[in-house]
C-alpha atoms as a PDB file:
ATOM      1  CA  MET A   1      20.479  33.836 -42.241  1.00  0.00           C
ATOM      2  CA  VAL A   2      17.296  33.572 -40.492  1.00  0.00           C
ATOM      3  CA  ALA A   3      16.119  29.996 -40.322  1.00  0.00           C
ATOM      4  CA  LEU A   4      12.667  29.171 -41.623  1.00  0.00           C
ATOM      5  CA  HIS A   5      10.501  27.383 -38.981  1.00  0.00           C
ATOM      6  CA  LEU A   6       7.265  25.398 -39.366  1.00  0.00           C
ATOM      7  CA  CYS A   7       4.573  26.666 -37.083  1.00  0.00           C
ATOM      8  CA  PHE A   8       2.810  24.002 -35.160  1.00  0.00           C
ATOM      9  CA  ARG A   9      -0.465  24.225 -33.201  1.00  0.00           C
ATOM     10  CA  ILE A  10      -1.474  21.288 -30.960  1.00  0.00           C
ATOM     11  CA  SER A  11      -5.260  20.581 -30.522  1.00  0.00           C
ATOM     12  CA  PRO A  12      -6.443  19.864 -27.022  1.00  0.00           C
ATOM     13  CA  VAL A  13      -6.849  16.130 -27.491  1.00  0.00           C
ATOM     14  CA  LYS A  14      -5.585  13.075 -25.495  1.00  0.00           C
ATOM     15  CA  GLU A  15      -1.677  12.598 -25.895  1.00  0.00           C
ATOM     16  CA  ALA A  16      -2.045   9.276 -27.472  1.00  0.00           C
ATOM     17  CA  SER A  17      -3.785  10.865 -30.572  1.00  0.00           C
ATOM     18  CA  LEU A  18      -1.575  14.038 -30.957  1.00  0.00           C
ATOM     19  CA  LEU A  19      -0.669  14.836 -34.617  1.00  0.00           C
ATOM     20  CA  PRO A  20       1.612  17.409 -35.778  1.00  0.00           C
ATOM     21  CA  GLN A  21      -0.432  20.402 -37.039  1.00  0.00           C
ATOM     22  CA  THR A  22       0.864  23.152 -39.263  1.00  0.00           C
ATOM     23  CA  LYS A  23      -0.478  26.390 -40.777  1.00  0.00           C
ATOM     24  CA  PHE A  24       2.672  26.433 -42.924  1.00  0.00           C
ATOM     25  CA  ILE A  25       2.351  24.416 -46.204  1.00  0.00           C
ATOM     26  CA  PHE A  26       4.753  23.811 -49.181  1.00  0.00           C
ATOM     27  CA  ARG A  27       3.192  25.048 -52.420  1.00  0.00           C
ATOM     28  CA  GLY A  28       6.041  23.907 -54.701  1.00  0.00           C
ATOM     29  CA  VAL A  29       7.130  22.282 -57.898  1.00  0.00           C
ATOM     30  CA  ASN A  30      10.377  20.476 -59.045  1.00  0.00           C
ATOM     31  CA  TRP A  31      12.103  23.012 -61.364  1.00  0.00           C
ATOM     32  CA  VAL A  32      13.611  21.463 -64.531  1.00  0.00           C
ATOM     33  CA  ALA A  33      17.154  22.892 -64.929  1.00  0.00           C
ATOM     34  CA  GLY A  34      17.986  24.112 -68.491  1.00  0.00           C
ATOM     35  CA  ASP A  35      20.679  26.030 -70.198  1.00  0.00           C
ATOM     36  CA  SER A  36      19.144  29.306 -69.152  1.00  0.00           C
ATOM     37  CA  VAL A  37      16.423  30.907 -66.963  1.00  0.00           C
ATOM     38  CA  THR A  38      14.705  34.300 -67.015  1.00  0.00           C
ATOM     39  CA  LEU A  39      12.780  36.187 -64.275  1.00  0.00           C
ATOM     40  CA  ASP A  40       9.650  36.031 -66.594  1.00  0.00           C
ATOM     41  CA  GLN A  41       9.550  32.221 -66.407  1.00  0.00           C
ATOM     42  CA  LEU A  42       9.582  32.465 -62.635  1.00  0.00           C
ATOM     43  CA  ILE A  43       7.043  35.057 -62.600  1.00  0.00           C
ATOM     44  CA  ALA A  44       4.868  32.766 -64.746  1.00  0.00           C
ATOM     45  CA  ALA A  45       5.079  30.100 -62.225  1.00  0.00           C
ATOM     46  CA  LYS A  46       4.348  32.622 -59.260  1.00  0.00           C
ATOM     47  CA  GLU A  47       1.199  33.406 -61.283  1.00  0.00           C
ATOM     48  CA  CYS A  48       0.011  29.805 -60.678  1.00  0.00           C
ATOM     49  CA  ASN A  49       0.421  30.495 -56.851  1.00  0.00           C
ATOM     50  CA  ILE A  50       3.659  28.430 -56.765  1.00  0.00           C
ATOM     51  CA  GLN A  51       5.699  29.622 -53.664  1.00  0.00           C
ATOM     52  CA  TRP A  52       8.581  27.172 -53.783  1.00  0.00           C
ATOM     53  CA  ILE A  53      10.779  25.459 -56.296  1.00  0.00           C
ATOM     54  CA  ALA A  54      13.103  22.388 -55.806  1.00  0.00           C
ATOM     55  CA  GLN A  55      16.405  22.554 -57.676  1.00  0.00           C
ATOM     56  CA  THR A  56      18.218  19.267 -58.353  1.00  0.00           C
ATOM     57  CA  PRO A  57      22.115  19.116 -58.864  1.00  0.00           C
ATOM     58  CA  PHE A  58      23.542  15.638 -59.288  1.00  0.00           C
ATOM     59  CA  GLY A  59      26.534  13.573 -57.913  1.00  0.00           C
ATOM     60  CA  TRP A  60      27.718  10.952 -60.108  1.00  0.00           C
ATOM     61  CA  GLN A  61      28.440   7.523 -58.831  1.00  0.00           C
ATOM     62  CA  ARG A  62      29.748   4.919 -61.320  1.00  0.00           C
ATOM     63  CA  ASN A  63      28.464   1.626 -59.788  1.00  0.00           C
ATOM     64  CA  TYR A  64      26.046   0.851 -57.025  1.00  0.00           C
ATOM     65  CA  ASN A  65      28.563  -1.069 -55.104  1.00  0.00           C
ATOM     66  CA  THR A  66      31.745   1.034 -55.252  1.00  0.00           C
ATOM     67  CA  PRO A  67      32.213   4.371 -53.232  1.00  0.00           C
ATOM     68  CA  GLU A  68      33.693   6.697 -55.904  1.00  0.00           C
ATOM     69  CA  MET A  69      31.628   9.815 -56.456  1.00  0.00           C
ATOM     70  CA  ARG A  70      32.039  13.223 -58.204  1.00  0.00           C
ATOM     71  CA  LEU A  71      30.378  16.464 -58.267  1.00  0.00           C
ATOM     72  CA  ASN A  72      29.286  18.534 -61.339  1.00  0.00           C
ATOM     73  CA  THR A  73      29.724  21.956 -60.010  1.00  0.00           C
ATOM     74  CA  GLN A  74      31.182  23.742 -63.111  1.00  0.00           C
ATOM     75  CA  PHE A  75      29.513  25.295 -66.037  1.00  0.00           C
ATOM     76  CA  ASN A  76      28.223  23.038 -68.735  1.00  0.00           C
ATOM     77  CA  LYS A  77      26.021  24.357 -71.472  1.00  0.00           C
ATOM     78  CA  HIS A  78      23.578  21.413 -71.370  1.00  0.00           C
ATOM     79  CA  PHE A  79      23.476  21.155 -67.385  1.00  0.00           C
ATOM     80  CA  TRP A  80      24.040  24.808 -66.653  1.00  0.00           C
ATOM     81  CA  GLY A  81      20.974  24.882 -64.349  1.00  0.00           C
ATOM     82  CA  GLU A  82      22.534  22.063 -62.256  1.00  0.00           C
ATOM     83  CA  SER A  83      25.978  23.843 -61.935  1.00  0.00           C
ATOM     84  CA  ASP A  84      26.677  26.072 -58.903  1.00  0.00           C
ATOM     85  CA  GLN A  85      26.295  29.134 -61.063  1.00  0.00           C
ATOM     86  CA  GLY A  86      23.074  27.944 -62.366  1.00  0.00           C
ATOM     87  CA  LEU A  87      21.790  27.118 -58.999  1.00  0.00           C
ATOM     88  CA  ILE A  88      22.712  30.361 -57.558  1.00  0.00           C
ATOM     89  CA  HIS A  89      21.289  32.412 -60.515  1.00  0.00           C
ATOM     90  CA  THR A  90      18.024  30.485 -60.493  1.00  0.00           C
ATOM     91  CA  THR A  91      17.755  30.980 -56.648  1.00  0.00           C
ATOM     92  CA  ASN A  92      18.185  34.620 -57.037  1.00  0.00           C
ATOM     93  CA  LEU A  93      15.673  35.123 -59.817  1.00  0.00           C
ATOM     94  CA  ALA A  94      13.201  32.904 -57.825  1.00  0.00           C
ATOM     95  CA  ARG A  95      13.576  35.280 -54.773  1.00  0.00           C
ATOM     96  CA  GLN A  96      12.989  38.199 -56.912  1.00  0.00           C
ATOM     97  CA  ALA A  97       9.707  36.507 -57.985  1.00  0.00           C
ATOM     98  CA  GLY A  98       8.795  35.871 -54.572  1.00  0.00           C
ATOM     99  CA  ILE A  99       9.678  32.140 -54.687  1.00  0.00           C
ATOM    100  CA  LYS A 100      11.593  30.251 -52.147  1.00  0.00           C
ATOM    101  CA  THR A 101      14.016  27.195 -52.875  1.00  0.00           C
ATOM    102  CA  LEU A 102      14.543  23.806 -51.595  1.00  0.00           C
ATOM    103  CA  LEU A 103      17.853  22.520 -52.772  1.00  0.00           C
ATOM    104  CA  LYS A 104      17.579  18.793 -53.403  1.00  0.00           C
ATOM    105  CA  PRO A 105      20.704  17.035 -54.645  1.00  0.00           C
ATOM    106  CA  HIS A 106      20.493  13.475 -56.098  1.00  0.00           C
ATOM    107  CA  ILE A 107      22.938  10.791 -56.909  1.00  0.00           C
ATOM    108  CA  TRP A 108      23.003   9.383 -60.486  1.00  0.00           C
ATOM    109  CA  LEU A 109      24.274   5.949 -61.026  1.00  0.00           C
ATOM    110  CA  MET A 110      26.413   6.097 -64.257  1.00  0.00           C
ATOM    111  CA  ASN A 111      26.557   2.311 -64.988  1.00  0.00           C
ATOM    112  CA  GLN A 112      23.111   1.281 -66.190  1.00  0.00           C
ATOM    113  CA  ASP A 113      24.297  -2.191 -67.167  1.00  0.00           C
ATOM    114  CA  GLN A 114      23.909  -3.465 -63.597  1.00  0.00           C
ATOM    115  CA  ASN A 115      20.140  -2.989 -63.589  1.00  0.00           C
ATOM    116  CA  LYS A 116      20.278  -1.219 -60.111  1.00  0.00           C
ATOM    117  CA  TRP A 117      18.999   2.172 -58.943  1.00  0.00           C
ATOM    118  CA  ILE A 118      20.156   4.467 -56.136  1.00  0.00           C
ATOM    119  CA  GLY A 119      18.091   2.685 -53.502  1.00  0.00           C
ATOM    120  CA  ASP A 120      20.247  -0.548 -54.132  1.00  0.00           C
ATOM    121  CA  ILE A 121      23.485   1.128 -53.267  1.00  0.00           C
ATOM    122  CA  ALA A 122      25.439  -1.152 -51.070  1.00  0.00           C
ATOM    123  CA  MET A 123      29.104  -1.509 -50.319  1.00  0.00           C
ATOM    124  CA  THR A 124      30.886  -4.767 -50.118  1.00  0.00           C
ATOM    125  CA  SER A 125      33.024  -3.948 -46.998  1.00  0.00           C
ATOM    126  CA  GLU A 126      32.692  -1.728 -43.944  1.00  0.00           C
ATOM    127  CA  ALA A 127      35.845   0.251 -45.302  1.00  0.00           C
ATOM    128  CA  ASP A 128      33.971   0.910 -48.577  1.00  0.00           C
ATOM    129  CA  TRP A 129      30.942   2.053 -46.562  1.00  0.00           C
ATOM    130  CA  GLN A 130      33.155   4.518 -44.639  1.00  0.00           C
ATOM    131  CA  THR A 131      34.572   5.728 -47.970  1.00  0.00           C
ATOM    132  CA  TRP A 132      31.050   6.137 -49.390  1.00  0.00           C
ATOM    133  CA  PHE A 133      29.804   8.249 -46.527  1.00  0.00           C
ATOM    134  CA  LYS A 134      33.073  10.299 -46.629  1.00  0.00           C
ATOM    135  CA  ASN A 135      32.454  11.001 -50.334  1.00  0.00           C
ATOM    136  CA  TYR A 136      28.713  11.587 -49.845  1.00  0.00           C
ATOM    137  CA  SER A 137      29.443  13.855 -46.924  1.00  0.00           C
ATOM    138  CA  GLU A 138      31.694  15.970 -49.165  1.00  0.00           C
ATOM    139  CA  PHE A 139      29.054  16.114 -51.791  1.00  0.00           C
ATOM    140  CA  ILE A 140      26.193  17.132 -49.555  1.00  0.00           C
ATOM    141  CA  LEU A 141      28.223  19.562 -47.427  1.00  0.00           C
ATOM    142  CA  HIS A 142      29.190  21.273 -50.638  1.00  0.00           C
ATOM    143  CA  TYR A 143      25.480  22.102 -51.378  1.00  0.00           C
ATOM    144  CA  ALA A 144      24.891  22.759 -47.583  1.00  0.00           C
ATOM    145  CA  ARG A 145      27.560  25.576 -47.740  1.00  0.00           C
ATOM    146  CA  LEU A 146      26.220  26.810 -50.985  1.00  0.00           C
ATOM    147  CA  ALA A 147      22.642  26.890 -49.523  1.00  0.00           C
ATOM    148  CA  GLU A 148      23.899  28.850 -46.439  1.00  0.00           C
ATOM    149  CA  THR A 149      25.843  31.377 -48.341  1.00  0.00           C
ATOM    150  CA  HIS A 150      23.039  32.190 -50.746  1.00  0.00           C
ATOM    151  CA  HIS A 151      20.290  31.969 -48.140  1.00  0.00           C
ATOM    152  CA  VAL A 152      18.411  29.030 -49.630  1.00  0.00           C
ATOM    153  CA  GLU A 153      15.432  28.244 -47.359  1.00  0.00           C
ATOM    154  CA  ALA A 154      15.526  24.395 -47.253  1.00  0.00           C
ATOM    155  CA  LEU A 155      17.910  21.577 -48.112  1.00  0.00           C
ATOM    156  CA  CYS A 156      17.200  17.984 -48.768  1.00  0.00           C
ATOM    157  CA  ILE A 157      20.114  15.812 -47.431  1.00  0.00           C
ATOM    158  CA  GLY A 158      19.367  12.846 -49.618  1.00  0.00           C
ATOM    159  CA  THR A 159      16.949  11.405 -52.123  1.00  0.00           C
ATOM    160  CA  GLU A 160      15.671   7.672 -52.484  1.00  0.00           C
ATOM    161  CA  LEU A 161      18.919   6.212 -50.988  1.00  0.00           C
ATOM    162  CA  MET A 162      16.896   3.469 -49.525  1.00  0.00           C
ATOM    163  CA  ASN A 163      19.493   0.913 -48.383  1.00  0.00           C
ATOM    164  CA  PRO A 164      21.848   3.395 -47.033  1.00  0.00           C
ATOM    165  CA  ALA A 165      19.206   5.195 -45.332  1.00  0.00           C
ATOM    166  CA  ILE A 166      17.672   2.218 -43.660  1.00  0.00           C
ATOM    167  CA  THR A 167      20.784   0.379 -42.763  1.00  0.00           C
ATOM    168  CA  ARG A 168      23.185   3.066 -41.768  1.00  0.00           C
ATOM    169  CA  GLU A 169      21.200   5.304 -39.275  1.00  0.00           C
ATOM    170  CA  GLU A 170      24.135   6.363 -37.230  1.00  0.00           C
ATOM    171  CA  ASP A 171      26.097   7.529 -40.176  1.00  0.00           C
ATOM    172  CA  TRP A 172      23.100   9.734 -41.300  1.00  0.00           C
ATOM    173  CA  ARG A 173      22.686  11.147 -37.805  1.00  0.00           C
ATOM    174  CA  GLN A 174      26.360  12.010 -37.731  1.00  0.00           C
ATOM    175  CA  LEU A 175      26.009  13.552 -41.261  1.00  0.00           C
ATOM    176  CA  ILE A 176      23.189  15.664 -40.067  1.00  0.00           C
ATOM    177  CA  ARG A 177      25.120  17.061 -37.250  1.00  0.00           C
ATOM    178  CA  GLN A 178      27.817  18.147 -39.647  1.00  0.00           C
ATOM    179  CA  ILE A 179      25.224  19.763 -42.014  1.00  0.00           C
ATOM    180  CA  ARG A 180      23.615  21.859 -39.034  1.00  0.00           C
ATOM    181  CA  GLN A 181      27.088  23.131 -38.260  1.00  0.00           C
ATOM    182  CA  VAL A 182      27.241  24.904 -41.681  1.00  0.00           C
ATOM    183  CA  TYR A 183      23.581  25.285 -42.650  1.00  0.00           C
ATOM    184  CA  HIS A 184      20.830  26.783 -40.733  1.00  0.00           C
ATOM    185  CA  GLY A 185      17.694  26.411 -42.727  1.00  0.00           C
ATOM    186  CA  GLN A 186      15.140  23.612 -42.765  1.00  0.00           C
ATOM    187  CA  LEU A 187      16.271  20.076 -43.419  1.00  0.00           C
ATOM    188  CA  THR A 188      14.647  17.047 -44.858  1.00  0.00           C
ATOM    189  CA  TYR A 189      15.435  13.771 -46.510  1.00  0.00           C
ATOM    190  CA  ALA A 190      13.289  12.451 -49.585  1.00  0.00           C
ATOM    191  CA  ALA A 191      12.344   8.748 -48.924  1.00  0.00           C
ATOM    192  CA  ASN A 192      10.684   6.494 -51.522  1.00  0.00           C
ATOM    193  CA  TRP A 193       7.107   5.974 -50.895  1.00  0.00           C
ATOM    194  CA  TYR A 194       7.682   2.168 -51.212  1.00  0.00           C
ATOM    195  CA  LEU A 195       9.390   0.361 -48.376  1.00  0.00           C
ATOM    196  CA  GLU A 196      11.417   3.388 -47.195  1.00  0.00           C
ATOM    197  CA  TYR A 197       9.815   6.290 -45.390  1.00  0.00           C
ATOM    198  CA  GLU A 198       8.373   3.887 -42.865  1.00  0.00           C
ATOM    199  CA  LYS A 199      11.732   2.479 -42.115  1.00  0.00           C
ATOM    200  CA  VAL A 200      13.850   5.534 -41.980  1.00  0.00           C
ATOM    201  CA  LYS A 201      14.667   6.128 -38.170  1.00  0.00           C
ATOM    202  CA  PHE A 202      16.425   9.575 -38.135  1.00  0.00           C
ATOM    203  CA  TRP A 203      13.284  11.735 -38.949  1.00  0.00           C
ATOM    204  CA  ASP A 204      13.500  13.139 -35.447  1.00  0.00           C
ATOM    205  CA  ASP A 205      16.907  14.860 -36.385  1.00  0.00           C
ATOM    206  CA  LEU A 206      15.117  16.557 -39.398  1.00  0.00           C
ATOM    207  CA  ASP A 207      12.445  19.313 -39.688  1.00  0.00           C
ATOM    208  CA  PHE A 208      10.004  17.528 -41.838  1.00  0.00           C
ATOM    209  CA  ILE A 209       9.477  14.098 -43.190  1.00  0.00           C
ATOM    210  CA  GLY A 210      10.001  14.068 -47.006  1.00  0.00           C
ATOM    211  CA  VAL A 211       8.295  11.495 -49.111  1.00  0.00           C
ATOM    212  CA  GLN A 212       8.492  10.853 -52.894  1.00  0.00           C
ATOM    213  CA  GLY A 213       4.749  10.587 -53.191  1.00  0.00           C
ATOM    214  CA  TYR A 214       4.163   8.325 -56.260  1.00  0.00           C
ATOM    215  CA  PHE A 215       1.655   6.189 -54.603  1.00  0.00           C
ATOM    216  CA  PRO A 216      -0.431   3.941 -56.897  1.00  0.00           C
ATOM    217  CA  VAL A 217      -4.076   4.853 -56.311  1.00  0.00           C
ATOM    218  CA  SER A 218      -5.776   2.800 -59.073  1.00  0.00           C
ATOM    219  CA  LYS A 219      -5.253  -0.573 -60.818  1.00  0.00           C
ATOM    220  CA  LYS A 220      -7.114   0.550 -64.046  1.00  0.00           C
ATOM    221  CA  ASN A 221      -6.798   3.176 -66.671  1.00  0.00           C
ATOM    222  CA  ASN A 222      -8.904   6.339 -66.639  1.00  0.00           C
ATOM    223  CA  ALA A 223     -10.108   5.785 -63.113  1.00  0.00           C
ATOM    224  CA  SER A 224     -12.876   8.138 -61.853  1.00  0.00           C
ATOM    225  CA  LEU A 225     -12.276  10.850 -59.301  1.00  0.00           C
ATOM    226  CA  ALA A 226     -14.251   8.788 -56.761  1.00  0.00           C
ATOM    227  CA  GLU A 227     -12.114   5.707 -57.445  1.00  0.00           C
ATOM    228  CA  LEU A 228      -8.951   7.672 -57.012  1.00  0.00           C
ATOM    229  CA  GLN A 229      -9.909   9.127 -53.823  1.00  0.00           C
ATOM    230  CA  ALA A 230     -10.628   5.684 -52.537  1.00  0.00           C
ATOM    231  CA  GLY A 231      -7.262   4.679 -53.672  1.00  0.00           C
ATOM    232  CA  TRP A 232      -5.554   6.954 -51.304  1.00  0.00           C
ATOM    233  CA  LYS A 233      -7.226   5.416 -48.221  1.00  0.00           C
ATOM    234  CA  PRO A 234      -4.691   2.797 -47.275  1.00  0.00           C
ATOM    235  CA  HIS A 235      -1.832   5.077 -47.855  1.00  0.00           C
ATOM    236  CA  LEU A 236      -3.232   7.815 -45.580  1.00  0.00           C
ATOM    237  CA  MET A 237      -3.258   5.545 -42.635  1.00  0.00           C
ATOM    238  CA  ARG A 238       0.419   4.576 -42.837  1.00  0.00           C
ATOM    239  CA  MET A 239       1.353   8.270 -43.324  1.00  0.00           C
ATOM    240  CA  GLN A 240      -0.610   9.408 -40.495  1.00  0.00           C
ATOM    241  CA  LYS A 241       1.023   6.827 -38.232  1.00  0.00           C
ATOM    242  CA  ILE A 242       4.600   8.023 -39.246  1.00  0.00           C
ATOM    243  CA  ALA A 243       3.707  11.710 -38.709  1.00  0.00           C
ATOM    244  CA  LYS A 244       2.190  10.896 -35.277  1.00  0.00           C
ATOM    245  CA  LYS A 245       5.393   8.797 -34.246  1.00  0.00           C
ATOM    246  CA  TYR A 246       7.838  11.529 -35.034  1.00  0.00           C
ATOM    247  CA  GLN A 247       5.594  14.659 -34.477  1.00  0.00           C
ATOM    248  CA  LYS A 248       6.667  16.062 -37.897  1.00  0.00           C
ATOM    249  CA  PRO A 249       4.513  16.961 -40.896  1.00  0.00           C
ATOM    250  CA  ILE A 250       4.994  14.905 -44.088  1.00  0.00           C
ATOM    251  CA  VAL A 251       5.817  16.755 -47.282  1.00  0.00           C
ATOM    252  CA  PHE A 252       5.757  15.184 -50.668  1.00  0.00           C
ATOM    253  CA  THR A 253       9.196  16.282 -52.042  1.00  0.00           C
ATOM    254  CA  GLU A 254       7.885  14.929 -55.344  1.00  0.00           C
ATOM    255  CA  ALA A 255       4.434  14.019 -56.544  1.00  0.00           C
ATOM    256  CA  GLY A 256       3.081  14.001 -60.069  1.00  0.00           C
ATOM    257  CA  TYR A 257       1.051  12.296 -62.930  1.00  0.00           C
ATOM    258  CA  LYS A 258       1.675  11.775 -66.601  1.00  0.00           C
ATOM    259  CA  SER A 259      -1.113  13.059 -68.903  1.00  0.00           C
ATOM    260  CA  THR A 260      -1.832   9.469 -69.964  1.00  0.00           C
ATOM    261  CA  PRO A 261      -4.626   7.016 -69.050  1.00  0.00           C
ATOM    262  CA  ASP A 262      -2.500   4.856 -66.779  1.00  0.00           C
ATOM    263  CA  ALA A 263      -1.191   7.877 -64.688  1.00  0.00           C
ATOM    264  CA  ALA A 264      -2.460   6.650 -61.496  1.00  0.00           C
ATOM    265  CA  VAL A 265      -1.549   3.087 -61.931  1.00  0.00           C
ATOM    266  CA  GLU A 266       2.292   3.402 -61.689  1.00  0.00           C
ATOM    267  CA  PRO A 267       2.718   7.070 -61.079  1.00  0.00           C
ATOM    268  CA  TRP A 268       6.494   6.849 -60.924  1.00  0.00           C
ATOM    269  CA  LYS A 269       6.886   5.334 -64.423  1.00  0.00           C
ATOM    270  CA  TRP A 270       8.076   7.485 -67.143  1.00  0.00           C
ATOM    271  CA  PRO A 271       6.299   7.413 -70.437  1.00  0.00           C
ATOM    272  CA  GLU A 272       7.989   5.327 -73.104  1.00  0.00           C
ATOM    273  CA  ARG A 273      10.182   7.274 -75.608  1.00  0.00           C
ATOM    274  CA  GLY A 274      10.859   7.018 -79.182  1.00  0.00           C
ATOM    275  CA  ARG A 275       9.829   8.418 -82.486  1.00  0.00           C
ATOM    276  CA  ASN A 276       7.637   5.445 -83.559  1.00  0.00           C
ATOM    277  CA  ILE A 277       5.807   5.028 -80.189  1.00  0.00           C
ATOM    278  CA  LEU A 278       2.242   6.069 -80.074  1.00  0.00           C
ATOM    279  CA  ILE A 279       1.120   6.907 -76.575  1.00  0.00           C
ATOM    280  CA  GLU A 280      -2.478   7.781 -75.764  1.00  0.00           C
ATOM    281  CA  GLU A 281      -2.974  11.103 -73.988  1.00  0.00           C
ATOM    282  CA  SER A 282      -5.551  11.838 -71.231  1.00  0.00           C
ATOM    283  CA  TYR A 283      -5.634  15.161 -69.738  1.00  0.00           C
ATOM    284  CA  GLU A 284      -8.719  14.317 -67.936  1.00  0.00           C
ATOM    285  CA  THR A 285      -7.037  11.504 -66.092  1.00  0.00           C
ATOM    286  CA  GLN A 286      -4.102  13.751 -64.966  1.00  0.00           C
ATOM    287  CA  ALA A 287      -6.583  16.412 -63.917  1.00  0.00           C
ATOM    288  CA  ASN A 288      -8.528  13.725 -61.885  1.00  0.00           C
ATOM    289  CA  CYS A 289      -5.481  12.510 -60.102  1.00  0.00           C
ATOM    290  CA  TYR A 290      -4.515  16.079 -59.206  1.00  0.00           C
ATOM    291  CA  GLN A 291      -7.990  16.650 -57.784  1.00  0.00           C
ATOM    292  CA  ALA A 292      -7.997  13.500 -55.905  1.00  0.00           C
ATOM    293  CA  LEU A 293      -4.510  14.247 -54.370  1.00  0.00           C
ATOM    294  CA  PHE A 294      -5.462  17.806 -53.219  1.00  0.00           C
ATOM    295  CA  GLN A 295      -8.953  16.895 -51.913  1.00  0.00           C
ATOM    296  CA  THR A 296      -7.720  13.947 -49.968  1.00  0.00           C
ATOM    297  CA  LEU A 297      -4.431  15.520 -48.492  1.00  0.00           C
ATOM    298  CA  TRP A 298      -4.528  19.144 -48.591  1.00  0.00           C
ATOM    299  CA  GLU A 299      -6.268  19.846 -45.249  1.00  0.00           C
ATOM    300  CA  LYS A 300      -4.901  16.880 -43.380  1.00  0.00           C
ATOM    301  CA  PRO A 301      -3.343  18.446 -40.051  1.00  0.00           C
ATOM    302  CA  TRP A 302      -0.150  16.330 -40.503  1.00  0.00           C
ATOM    303  CA  PHE A 303       0.272  17.151 -44.234  1.00  0.00           C
ATOM    304  CA  GLY A 304       2.864  19.931 -45.025  1.00  0.00           C
ATOM    305  CA  GLY A 305       2.394  20.415 -48.774  1.00  0.00           C
ATOM    306  CA  LEU A 306       4.151  19.114 -51.849  1.00  0.00           C
ATOM    307  CA  PHE A 307       6.406  19.802 -54.909  1.00  0.00           C
ATOM    308  CA  ILE A 308       4.810  18.785 -58.087  1.00  0.00           C
ATOM    309  CA  TRP A 309       6.931  16.840 -60.544  1.00  0.00           C
ATOM    310  CA  LYS A 310       7.691  18.673 -62.695  1.00  0.00           C
ATOM    311  CA  TRP A 311       7.832  22.266 -64.107  1.00  0.00           C
ATOM    312  CA  TYR A 312       9.667  23.525 -67.047  1.00  0.00           C
ATOM    313  CA  PRO A 313      11.040  26.941 -67.541  1.00  0.00           C
ATOM    314  CA  GLN A 314       9.521  26.703 -71.101  1.00  0.00           C
ATOM    315  CA  VAL A 315       7.525  23.610 -72.246  1.00  0.00           C
ATOM    316  CA  ARG A 316       8.712  22.614 -75.693  1.00  0.00           C
ATOM    317  CA  ASP A 317       6.355  22.080 -78.429  1.00  0.00           C
ATOM    318  CA  ASN A 318       6.643  18.325 -78.770  1.00  0.00           C
ATOM    319  CA  GLY A 319       4.664  15.210 -77.750  1.00  0.00           C
ATOM    320  CA  ARG A 320       7.007  14.011 -75.070  1.00  0.00           C
ATOM    321  CA  ASP A 321       6.665  17.086 -72.979  1.00  0.00           C
ATOM    322  CA  HIS A 322       2.971  17.141 -73.382  1.00  0.00           C
ATOM    323  CA  ARG A 323       2.631  13.411 -72.284  1.00  0.00           C
ATOM    324  CA  ASP A 324       5.096  13.492 -69.384  1.00  0.00           C
ATOM    325  CA  PHE A 325       4.473  14.775 -65.891  1.00  0.00           C
ATOM    326  CA  THR A 326       4.129  18.490 -66.294  1.00  0.00           C
ATOM    327  CA  PRO A 327       0.723  20.085 -65.698  1.00  0.00           C
ATOM    328  CA  GLN A 328       1.693  23.199 -67.798  1.00  0.00           C
ATOM    329  CA  HIS A 329      -0.836  24.231 -70.330  1.00  0.00           C
ATOM    330  CA  LYS A 330      -3.191  21.464 -69.295  1.00  0.00           C
ATOM    331  CA  PRO A 331      -6.316  21.354 -67.139  1.00  0.00           C
ATOM    332  CA  ALA A 332      -4.135  20.124 -64.198  1.00  0.00           C
ATOM    333  CA  GLU A 333      -2.344  23.462 -64.109  1.00  0.00           C
ATOM    334  CA  LYS A 334      -5.543  25.311 -63.215  1.00  0.00           C
ATOM    335  CA  ILE A 335      -6.282  22.762 -60.485  1.00  0.00           C
ATOM    336  CA  LEU A 336      -2.833  23.177 -59.119  1.00  0.00           C
ATOM    337  CA  ALA A 337      -3.176  27.038 -59.273  1.00  0.00           C
ATOM    338  CA  ASP A 338      -6.474  26.999 -57.445  1.00  0.00           C
ATOM    339  CA  TRP A 339      -5.422  24.746 -54.651  1.00  0.00           C
ATOM    340  CA  TYR A 340      -2.194  26.441 -54.216  1.00  0.00           C
ATOM    341  CA  GLY A 341      -4.229  29.665 -53.970  1.00  0.00           C
ATOM    342  CA  LYS A 342      -6.392  28.496 -51.083  1.00  0.00           C
ATOM    343  CA  GLU A 343      -5.911  29.829 -47.612  1.00  0.00           C
ATOM    344  CA  LEU A 344      -5.744  27.153 -44.926  1.00  0.00           C
END
């Protein structure tokens, strides 16, 4: 397999101000795994100038503070797209459509009663930490080997594992060395935008800096385009600093907005669900958020592109899908297609 490499060009400026510059940019979406997928569905994505999809299989961890973990690699009707069979089939169809793949495994905490999320994962002893990393290594190395065998172009070695990522640097460096022995494509890690990506120290061992880009860019509903653009300014300086420090481009491994008035206030927050919940829609706010994101970031020399959250093989005809993060069949879809179609 031929590894895919980012192409850097350095401007003739003083060394102190050097920033990573790349002609290569990810134009991607996070693909929603279903019980089936067709070539026509991927061709439809390609027609929106989408060049990459991210696929997300899960590892299942019962408690945030216990090391047991299991994979879900076998066929399951409801999670077929997350099984090995589904991942391989989707990757092959994507390649036929001219689309590359980022394999992006996640951990799912099964015990929701603890009111914890994956960033809180913390073992109670060094022995348990060693067991957790052994289990996690088996989990991610399984997908590294799958990615190598089936010529997947990029692999994300972890997603939003804030506490382990920040406190266990050497364990991650060792894991990266193990992964590179079996996989020869591009590697990244997907760090949370809040309190994580600036504290991760192993970026220099990876090919690009992955950020889950749910930055809040407004404090009010239905913000104007100008207000949204202004809301990006404090985040830009911090991202540029990290890109400069590690001489790596920053790629949003996820970024997206609901089609609701509060889309820019807490972009990471899912819309409430329930038959009796009435949620106001605002396609205009979602479109403005997309426009502000692209206008602000797309031509930054240190920005390496993004994977929009999220893209369905087929949008269901119900209110929930239309209120959630997908841009499909909304004004935001055309904005995405236009920007993804631009030459740099």
